[in-house]
Amino acid sequence: MNALISLHNSIFDRIDRQGDWLLPTLARFTVLATLMIYYWHSATLKIGDGIFGILQPSLGAYAQIFPKAMEAVSYDVSQLGLFHWAVVTAGTLAEFILPALLLVGFATRLASIGMIGFIVVQSLTDLYGHGGIEHVATLGAWFDRLPDGVILDQRLFWVTALIVLVVKGAGPLSLDRILARRDQPEM
């Protein structure tokens, strides 16, 4: 039995030593492979016409982020205020910038916190703004044998991978790591 325990400990001690680079690398890959194009595509749908389209969000951007407010003003964006414009513009920029930061591994911990916040706001908008709270399949439930609820199940995986990046950083293939090495004093 001691031999079996020693073999177990030997194998998993080696795996544990690899965790400092492997876990953040896999978490970053997972987030980028599943969410980068999703968010970039979503952002492109929110950009208005022209060279300054990012500063003049589309009607769809307002309808996506503020569905009830848009309905209340009969989809006339001019009746919304500066707050609505600022939130839509900031959200659109975040959908481009946060995944880009994760892609190159720069300010990874802060970008991951930003993405977690974005996912929380997105989920609340989906639930209360778009009426997802009224549909059990959209909301989902934990510990219910069904792993496909869009909000509680799916987004838990997204946030968990991002929490790994908050705790562990970007991993070895990142600007964060390159910049950290430059700051270390030579011996």
Protein backbone atom coordinates (compact mmCIF):
# COMPACT_ATOMS: atom_id res chain seq x y z
CA MET A 1 0.00 0.00 0.00
CA ASN A 2 2.88 2.38 0.80
CA ALA A 3 4.32 1.76 -2.66
CA LEU A 4 0.99 2.71 -4.24
CA ILE A 5 0.76 5.89 -2.16
CA SER A 6 4.36 6.78 -3.06
CA LEU A 7 3.65 6.22 -6.77
CA HIS A 8 0.52 8.38 -6.52
CA ASN A 9 2.39 11.17 -4.71
CA SER A 10 5.31 11.01 -7.15
CA ILE A 11 3.05 11.34 -10.21
CA PHE A 12 0.87 14.10 -8.82
CA ASP A 13 3.78 16.06 -7.32
CA ARG A 14 5.17 16.34 -10.88
CA ILE A 15 1.79 17.44 -12.20
CA ASP A 16 1.45 19.95 -9.36
CA ARG A 17 4.82 21.51 -10.23
CA GLN A 18 3.58 22.08 -13.81
CA GLY A 19 0.43 23.82 -12.58
CA ASP A 20 2.04 27.26 -12.30
CA TRP A 21 2.41 27.54 -16.06
CA LEU A 22 -0.08 24.96 -17.32
CA LEU A 23 -3.22 26.09 -15.48
CA PRO A 24 -3.12 29.78 -16.49
CA THR A 25 -2.11 28.88 -20.04
CA LEU A 26 -5.05 26.49 -20.41
CA ALA A 27 -7.46 28.93 -18.73
CA ARG A 28 -6.40 31.75 -21.06
CA PHE A 29 -6.68 29.49 -24.10
CA THR A 30 -10.14 28.35 -22.97
CA VAL A 31 -11.42 31.90 -22.45
CA LEU A 32 -10.03 33.07 -25.80
CA ALA A 33 -11.17 30.01 -27.76
CA THR A 34 -14.73 30.32 -26.50
CA LEU A 35 -15.28 34.04 -25.89
CA MET A 36 -12.91 36.23 -27.92
CA ILE A 37 -14.69 36.01 -31.29
CA TYR A 38 -18.08 35.92 -29.53
CA TYR A 39 -17.41 39.30 -27.90
CA TRP A 40 -15.66 40.85 -30.91
CA HIS A 41 -18.57 39.87 -33.16
CA SER A 42 -21.05 41.27 -30.64
CA ALA A 43 -19.10 44.55 -30.54
CA THR A 44 -19.03 44.89 -34.35
CA LEU A 45 -22.83 44.70 -34.35
CA LYS A 46 -22.97 47.68 -31.98
CA ILE A 47 -20.80 50.05 -34.01
CA GLY A 48 -22.58 52.80 -35.90
CA ASP A 49 -21.79 54.02 -39.42
CA GLY A 50 -18.69 55.91 -40.43
CA ILE A 51 -15.17 56.28 -39.14
CA PHE A 52 -16.39 57.36 -35.69
CA GLY A 53 -19.00 54.60 -35.49
CA ILE A 54 -17.63 53.44 -32.16
CA LEU A 55 -18.73 56.80 -30.73
CA GLN A 56 -22.11 56.61 -32.45
CA PRO A 57 -23.46 53.19 -31.48
CA SER A 58 -26.08 51.53 -33.61
CA LEU A 59 -29.76 51.35 -32.76
CA GLY A 60 -29.24 47.64 -32.09
CA ALA A 61 -26.59 48.43 -29.50
CA TYR A 62 -29.05 50.44 -27.45
CA ALA A 63 -31.77 47.82 -27.94
CA GLN A 64 -29.40 45.06 -26.80
CA ILE A 65 -28.13 46.84 -23.69
CA PHE A 66 -31.24 48.85 -22.72
CA PRO A 67 -34.17 46.89 -24.18
CA LYS A 68 -36.86 48.25 -21.85
CA ALA A 69 -35.66 51.85 -22.10
CA MET A 70 -35.64 51.60 -25.90
CA GLU A 71 -39.14 50.17 -25.93
CA ALA A 72 -40.31 52.99 -23.65
CA VAL A 73 -39.05 55.63 -26.10
CA SER A 74 -40.33 53.75 -29.19
CA TYR A 75 -36.75 53.01 -30.26
CA ASP A 76 -35.87 56.70 -30.66
CA VAL A 77 -32.27 56.92 -29.41
CA SER A 78 -32.43 60.72 -29.33
CA GLN A 79 -34.75 60.45 -26.31
CA LEU A 80 -32.10 58.66 -24.28
CA GLY A 81 -29.48 60.55 -22.30
CA LEU A 82 -25.74 60.79 -21.94
CA PHE A 83 -25.76 57.93 -19.41
CA HIS A 84 -27.20 55.50 -21.98
CA TRP A 85 -24.68 56.59 -24.62
CA ALA A 86 -21.77 56.25 -22.16
CA VAL A 87 -22.81 52.75 -21.04
CA VAL A 88 -23.33 51.51 -24.61
CA THR A 89 -20.05 53.02 -25.82
CA ALA A 90 -18.08 51.71 -22.83
CA GLY A 91 -19.65 48.26 -23.19
CA THR A 92 -18.81 48.14 -26.89
CA LEU A 93 -15.22 49.21 -26.25
CA ALA A 94 -14.94 46.62 -23.46
CA GLU A 95 -16.04 43.86 -25.85
CA PHE A 96 -13.07 44.74 -28.07
CA ILE A 97 -10.44 45.73 -25.53
CA LEU A 98 -10.79 43.13 -22.74
CA PRO A 99 -10.46 40.06 -25.02
CA ALA A 100 -7.57 41.78 -26.86
CA LEU A 101 -5.74 42.27 -23.56
CA LEU A 102 -6.26 38.60 -22.73
CA LEU A 103 -5.07 37.60 -26.20
CA VAL A 104 -1.67 39.24 -25.73
CA GLY A 105 -1.58 38.58 -22.00
CA PHE A 106 -1.29 42.21 -20.93
CA ALA A 107 -2.87 43.42 -17.66
CA THR A 108 -4.42 39.95 -17.57
CA ARG A 109 -5.60 40.05 -13.99
CA LEU A 110 -7.33 43.42 -14.44
CA ALA A 111 -8.77 42.40 -17.82
CA SER A 112 -10.11 39.21 -16.25
CA ILE A 113 -11.78 41.16 -13.45
CA GLY A 114 -13.26 43.44 -16.11
CA MET A 115 -14.55 40.46 -18.06
CA ILE A 116 -16.13 38.98 -14.92
CA GLY A 117 -17.90 42.28 -14.28
CA PHE A 118 -18.99 42.42 -17.91
CA ILE A 119 -20.40 38.88 -17.73
CA VAL A 120 -22.32 39.74 -14.55
CA VAL A 121 -23.86 42.83 -16.19
CA GLN A 122 -24.54 40.88 -19.40
CA SER A 123 -26.26 38.14 -17.40
CA LEU A 124 -28.41 40.59 -15.46
CA THR A 125 -29.39 42.31 -18.71
CA ASP A 126 -30.28 38.96 -20.26
CA LEU A 127 -32.33 37.98 -17.22
CA TYR A 128 -34.15 41.22 -16.42
CA GLY A 129 -33.87 43.33 -19.57
CA HIS A 130 -34.64 40.58 -22.06
CA GLY A 131 -36.93 38.52 -19.83
CA GLY A 132 -34.69 35.48 -19.41
CA ILE A 133 -35.64 35.23 -15.75
CA GLU A 134 -39.07 34.04 -16.89
CA HIS A 135 -37.61 31.06 -18.77
CA VAL A 136 -36.26 28.25 -16.63
CA ALA A 137 -34.16 26.88 -19.52
CA THR A 138 -32.37 30.21 -19.97
CA LEU A 139 -31.67 30.74 -16.29
CA GLY A 140 -30.80 27.12 -15.55
CA ALA A 141 -30.11 25.81 -12.09
CA TRP A 142 -27.14 24.34 -10.31
CA PHE A 143 -27.22 20.75 -9.09
CA ASP A 144 -30.19 19.90 -11.33
CA ARG A 145 -28.64 17.24 -13.64
CA LEU A 146 -29.01 19.56 -16.67
CA PRO A 147 -25.70 21.23 -17.61
CA ASP A 148 -26.95 23.55 -20.34
CA GLY A 149 -28.53 26.56 -18.62
CA VAL A 150 -27.25 29.64 -20.44
CA ILE A 151 -26.88 31.87 -17.40
CA LEU A 152 -26.10 29.82 -14.30
CA ASP A 153 -24.37 26.84 -15.94
CA GLN A 154 -22.56 28.24 -18.96
CA ARG A 155 -21.46 31.51 -17.43
CA LEU A 156 -20.20 29.77 -14.30
CA PHE A 157 -17.61 28.07 -16.51
CA TRP A 158 -16.66 31.39 -18.11
CA VAL A 159 -16.22 33.10 -14.75
CA THR A 160 -14.31 30.15 -13.24
CA ALA A 161 -11.73 30.23 -16.06
CA LEU A 162 -11.41 34.00 -15.61
CA ILE A 163 -10.94 33.57 -11.84
CA VAL A 164 -8.01 31.25 -12.58
CA LEU A 165 -6.45 34.12 -14.56
CA VAL A 166 -7.11 36.59 -11.74
CA VAL A 167 -5.37 34.27 -9.25
CA LYS A 168 -2.57 32.81 -11.42
CA GLY A 169 -1.97 35.52 -14.04
CA ALA A 170 -1.54 35.01 -17.78
CA GLY A 171 1.08 32.28 -17.80
CA PRO A 172 4.43 32.16 -19.59
CA LEU A 173 3.24 33.13 -23.08
CA SER A 174 2.25 36.68 -22.26
CA LEU A 175 3.35 40.31 -22.23
CA ASP A 176 2.79 40.27 -18.47
CA ARG A 177 5.55 37.66 -18.10
CA ILE A 178 7.92 39.51 -20.46
CA LEU A 179 7.41 42.79 -18.60
CA ALA A 180 7.81 41.08 -15.22
CA ARG A 181 11.18 39.66 -16.32
CA ARG A 182 12.37 43.14 -17.40
CA ASP A 183 11.61 44.51 -13.93
CA GLN A 184 13.67 41.85 -12.13
CA PRO A 185 17.08 43.11 -11.01
CA GLU A 186 20.11 41.37 -12.52
CA MET A 187 22.34 39.47 -10.10
